[in-house]
Amino acid sequence: GNEVHCLIKDENVAKMAKELGVTRSIAAMRTFGKQLEGQIVAIGNAPTALYEVLRLALEEGIKPALIIGIPVGFVGAAESKDYLMEVSPVPYITVKGNKGGSPIAASVCNALLYTDVKRNDMLFVEGKESK
């Protein structure tokens, strides 16, 4: 199965962010570090998280399998997605402009899961497997 991890509320992440003078989102991505290698990273809120994932990929060689970069907002969101499209060394999914958000990032994840299930000729409905 697949696992979902989010460290934004982790006490150690909050402490690291305060000590380094960075956002919790940056601290969370740094905490994941090498664990991001080969994983799907979905970002629906913080542009700083997207910038940090790209920094990790470009400067430290930590490359996720896919970046779903869809932060929302008027401060840095559009710019972070433009940067993703310009420099990403890995495949990505994004939207242009300031629109986005966690619901859209989650929808992309669900669509990928559904596509994988459909590709394997299986359909799961209410816990029952059918062909």
C-alpha atoms as a PDB file:
ATOM      1  CA  GLY A   1       0.000   0.000   0.000  1.00  0.00           C
ATOM      2  CA  ASN A   2       0.833   3.640  -0.127  1.00  0.00           C
ATOM      3  CA  GLU A   3       1.572   5.856   2.839  1.00  0.00           C
ATOM      4  CA  VAL A   4       0.984   9.571   3.271  1.00  0.00           C
ATOM      5  CA  HIS A   5       3.293  11.613   5.472  1.00  0.00           C
ATOM      6  CA  CYS A   6       3.029  15.244   6.561  1.00  0.00           C
ATOM      7  CA  LEU A   7       5.403  16.800   9.088  1.00  0.00           C
ATOM      8  CA  ILE A   8       3.996  20.330   9.222  1.00  0.00           C
ATOM      9  CA  LYS A   9       2.682  19.879  12.797  1.00  0.00           C
ATOM     10  CA  ASP A  10       5.679  17.886  14.047  1.00  0.00           C
ATOM     11  CA  GLU A  11       7.216  19.481  17.167  1.00  0.00           C
ATOM     12  CA  ASN A  12      10.772  18.875  15.944  1.00  0.00           C
ATOM     13  CA  VAL A  13       9.960  20.550  12.634  1.00  0.00           C
ATOM     14  CA  ALA A  14       8.555  23.580  14.457  1.00  0.00           C
ATOM     15  CA  LYS A  15      11.692  23.738  16.598  1.00  0.00           C
ATOM     16  CA  MET A  16      13.980  23.448  13.561  1.00  0.00           C
ATOM     17  CA  ALA A  17      12.055  26.166  11.717  1.00  0.00           C
ATOM     18  CA  LYS A  18      12.372  28.532  14.659  1.00  0.00           C
ATOM     19  CA  GLU A  19      16.081  27.814  15.139  1.00  0.00           C
ATOM     20  CA  LEU A  20      16.909  28.261  11.442  1.00  0.00           C
ATOM     21  CA  GLY A  21      14.523  31.156  10.831  1.00  0.00           C
ATOM     22  CA  VAL A  22      12.719  29.334   8.021  1.00  0.00           C
ATOM     23  CA  THR A  23       9.121  28.291   7.437  1.00  0.00           C
ATOM     24  CA  ARG A  24       7.778  25.027   8.829  1.00  0.00           C
ATOM     25  CA  SER A  25       7.305  23.897   5.250  1.00  0.00           C
ATOM     26  CA  ILE A  26      11.004  24.286   4.507  1.00  0.00           C
ATOM     27  CA  ALA A  27      11.905  22.551   7.766  1.00  0.00           C
ATOM     28  CA  ALA A  28       9.516  19.683   6.957  1.00  0.00           C
ATOM     29  CA  MET A  29      11.086  19.094   3.537  1.00  0.00           C
ATOM     30  CA  ARG A  30      14.573  19.217   5.066  1.00  0.00           C
ATOM     31  CA  THR A  31      13.486  16.715   7.705  1.00  0.00           C
ATOM     32  CA  PHE A  32      12.273  14.336   5.010  1.00  0.00           C
ATOM     33  CA  GLY A  33      15.563  14.842   3.177  1.00  0.00           C
ATOM     34  CA  LYS A  34      16.759  11.649   1.491  1.00  0.00           C
ATOM     35  CA  GLN A  35      13.430   9.959   2.216  1.00  0.00           C
ATOM     36  CA  LEU A  36      12.009  12.014  -0.684  1.00  0.00           C
ATOM     37  CA  GLU A  37      14.178  10.080  -3.148  1.00  0.00           C
ATOM     38  CA  GLY A  38      11.959   8.169  -5.563  1.00  0.00           C
ATOM     39  CA  GLN A  39       8.729   9.254  -3.846  1.00  0.00           C
ATOM     40  CA  ILE A  40       5.749  11.295  -4.996  1.00  0.00           C
ATOM     41  CA  VAL A  41       5.824  14.702  -3.308  1.00  0.00           C
ATOM     42  CA  ALA A  42       2.518  16.586  -3.279  1.00  0.00           C
ATOM     43  CA  ILE A  43       2.470  20.262  -2.296  1.00  0.00           C
ATOM     44  CA  GLY A  44      -0.816  22.128  -2.232  1.00  0.00           C
ATOM     45  CA  ASN A  45      -0.187  25.077   0.043  1.00  0.00           C
ATOM     46  CA  ALA A  46       3.260  26.438   0.786  1.00  0.00           C
ATOM     47  CA  PRO A  47       5.336  27.772  -2.103  1.00  0.00           C
ATOM     48  CA  THR A  48       8.355  27.587   0.210  1.00  0.00           C
ATOM     49  CA  ALA A  49       7.949  23.796   0.386  1.00  0.00           C
ATOM     50  CA  LEU A  50       8.085  23.613  -3.401  1.00  0.00           C
ATOM     51  CA  TYR A  51      11.183  25.798  -3.525  1.00  0.00           C
ATOM     52  CA  GLU A  52      12.835  23.572  -0.907  1.00  0.00           C
ATOM     53  CA  VAL A  53      12.036  20.323  -2.740  1.00  0.00           C
ATOM     54  CA  LEU A  54      13.575  21.834  -5.858  1.00  0.00           C
ATOM     55  CA  ARG A  55      16.630  22.968  -3.896  1.00  0.00           C
ATOM     56  CA  LEU A  56      17.055  19.462  -2.496  1.00  0.00           C
ATOM     57  CA  ALA A  57      16.805  17.995  -5.998  1.00  0.00           C
ATOM     58  CA  LEU A  58      19.147  20.480  -7.653  1.00  0.00           C
ATOM     59  CA  GLU A  59      21.739  21.019  -4.923  1.00  0.00           C
ATOM     60  CA  GLU A  60      21.696  17.767  -2.971  1.00  0.00           C
ATOM     61  CA  GLY A  61      20.665  15.337  -5.698  1.00  0.00           C
ATOM     62  CA  ILE A  62      17.597  14.112  -3.788  1.00  0.00           C
ATOM     63  CA  LYS A  63      15.166  13.401  -6.601  1.00  0.00           C
ATOM     64  CA  PRO A  64      11.534  12.461  -6.051  1.00  0.00           C
ATOM     65  CA  ALA A  65       9.863  10.286  -8.677  1.00  0.00           C
ATOM     66  CA  LEU A  66       7.263  13.022  -9.212  1.00  0.00           C
ATOM     67  CA  ILE A  67       6.542  16.480  -7.837  1.00  0.00           C
ATOM     68  CA  ILE A  68       2.913  17.543  -7.658  1.00  0.00           C
ATOM     69  CA  GLY A  69       3.492  21.258  -7.156  1.00  0.00           C
ATOM     70  CA  ILE A  70       0.213  23.131  -6.831  1.00  0.00           C
ATOM     71  CA  PRO A  71       0.634  25.740  -4.078  1.00  0.00           C
ATOM     72  CA  VAL A  72      -2.103  28.344  -3.861  1.00  0.00           C
ATOM     73  CA  GLY A  73      -2.030  32.044  -3.097  1.00  0.00           C
ATOM     74  CA  PHE A  74      -0.901  35.467  -4.129  1.00  0.00           C
ATOM     75  CA  VAL A  75       2.502  35.449  -2.405  1.00  0.00           C
ATOM     76  CA  GLY A  76       4.994  33.294  -4.259  1.00  0.00           C
ATOM     77  CA  ALA A  77       2.635  30.595  -5.519  1.00  0.00           C
ATOM     78  CA  ALA A  78       2.735  31.480  -9.222  1.00  0.00           C
ATOM     79  CA  GLU A  79       6.467  32.176  -9.073  1.00  0.00           C
ATOM     80  CA  SER A  80       7.227  28.853  -7.376  1.00  0.00           C
ATOM     81  CA  LYS A  81       5.289  26.968 -10.058  1.00  0.00           C
ATOM     82  CA  ASP A  82       7.056  28.906 -12.815  1.00  0.00           C
ATOM     83  CA  TYR A  83      10.362  27.952 -11.195  1.00  0.00           C
ATOM     84  CA  LEU A  84       9.247  24.309 -11.042  1.00  0.00           C
ATOM     85  CA  MET A  85       8.539  24.361 -14.781  1.00  0.00           C
ATOM     86  CA  GLU A  86      11.886  26.030 -15.522  1.00  0.00           C
ATOM     87  CA  VAL A  87      14.296  23.941 -13.458  1.00  0.00           C
ATOM     88  CA  SER A  88      12.756  20.676 -12.271  1.00  0.00           C
ATOM     89  CA  PRO A  89      15.097  17.748 -12.897  1.00  0.00           C
ATOM     90  CA  VAL A  90      12.208  15.317 -12.316  1.00  0.00           C
ATOM     91  CA  PRO A  91       8.703  14.885 -13.760  1.00  0.00           C
ATOM     92  CA  TYR A  92       6.093  17.234 -12.320  1.00  0.00           C
ATOM     93  CA  ILE A  93       2.431  18.162 -12.426  1.00  0.00           C
ATOM     94  CA  THR A  94       1.388  21.753 -11.811  1.00  0.00           C
ATOM     95  CA  VAL A  95      -1.008  24.508 -12.823  1.00  0.00           C
ATOM     96  CA  LYS A  96      -0.026  27.983 -13.954  1.00  0.00           C
ATOM     97  CA  GLY A  97      -0.873  31.072 -11.951  1.00  0.00           C
ATOM     98  CA  ASN A  98      -1.946  31.577  -8.351  1.00  0.00           C
ATOM     99  CA  LYS A  99      -4.672  28.934  -8.270  1.00  0.00           C
ATOM    100  CA  GLY A 100      -4.109  25.580  -6.633  1.00  0.00           C
ATOM    101  CA  GLY A 101      -4.373  24.183  -3.130  1.00  0.00           C
ATOM    102  CA  SER A 102      -4.400  20.975  -1.151  1.00  0.00           C
ATOM    103  CA  PRO A 103      -7.731  19.751  -2.578  1.00  0.00           C
ATOM    104  CA  ILE A 104      -6.312  19.956  -6.103  1.00  0.00           C
ATOM    105  CA  ALA A 105      -3.025  18.303  -5.099  1.00  0.00           C
ATOM    106  CA  ALA A 106      -5.010  15.522  -3.396  1.00  0.00           C
ATOM    107  CA  SER A 107      -7.202  15.171  -6.493  1.00  0.00           C
ATOM    108  CA  VAL A 108      -4.098  14.695  -8.630  1.00  0.00           C
ATOM    109  CA  CYS A 109      -2.891  11.986  -6.237  1.00  0.00           C
ATOM    110  CA  ASN A 110      -6.280  10.278  -6.400  1.00  0.00           C
ATOM    111  CA  ALA A 111      -6.318  10.495 -10.196  1.00  0.00           C
ATOM    112  CA  LEU A 112      -2.895   8.850 -10.340  1.00  0.00           C
ATOM    113  CA  LEU A 113      -4.056   6.083  -8.010  1.00  0.00           C
ATOM    114  CA  TYR A 114      -7.242   5.581 -10.032  1.00  0.00           C
ATOM    115  CA  THR A 115      -5.239   5.494 -13.262  1.00  0.00           C
ATOM    116  CA  ASP A 116      -2.946   2.849 -11.775  1.00  0.00           C
ATOM    117  CA  VAL A 117      -5.907   0.768 -10.605  1.00  0.00           C
ATOM    118  CA  LYS A 118      -7.611   1.112 -13.988  1.00  0.00           C
ATOM    119  CA  ARG A 119      -4.390   0.271 -15.813  1.00  0.00           C
ATOM    120  CA  ASN A 120      -4.222  -2.967 -13.858  1.00  0.00           C
ATOM    121  CA  ASP A 121      -7.766  -3.809 -15.031  1.00  0.00           C
ATOM    122  CA  MET A 122      -9.139  -3.758 -11.519  1.00  0.00           C
ATOM    123  CA  LEU A 123     -11.935  -1.738 -10.042  1.00  0.00           C
ATOM    124  CA  PHE A 124     -12.467  -1.377  -6.315  1.00  0.00           C
ATOM    125  CA  VAL A 125     -15.951  -0.416  -5.197  1.00  0.00           C
ATOM    126  CA  GLU A 126     -16.904  -0.231  -1.518  1.00  0.00           C
ATOM    127  CA  GLY A 127     -14.162  -2.636  -0.513  1.00  0.00           C
ATOM    128  CA  LYS A 128     -15.068  -5.263  -3.113  1.00  0.00           C
ATOM    129  CA  GLU A 129     -12.737  -6.221  -5.908  1.00  0.00           C
ATOM    130  CA  SER A 130     -14.140  -6.843  -9.369  1.00  0.00           C
ATOM    131  CA  LYS A 131     -12.734  -7.367 -12.857  1.00  0.00           C
END
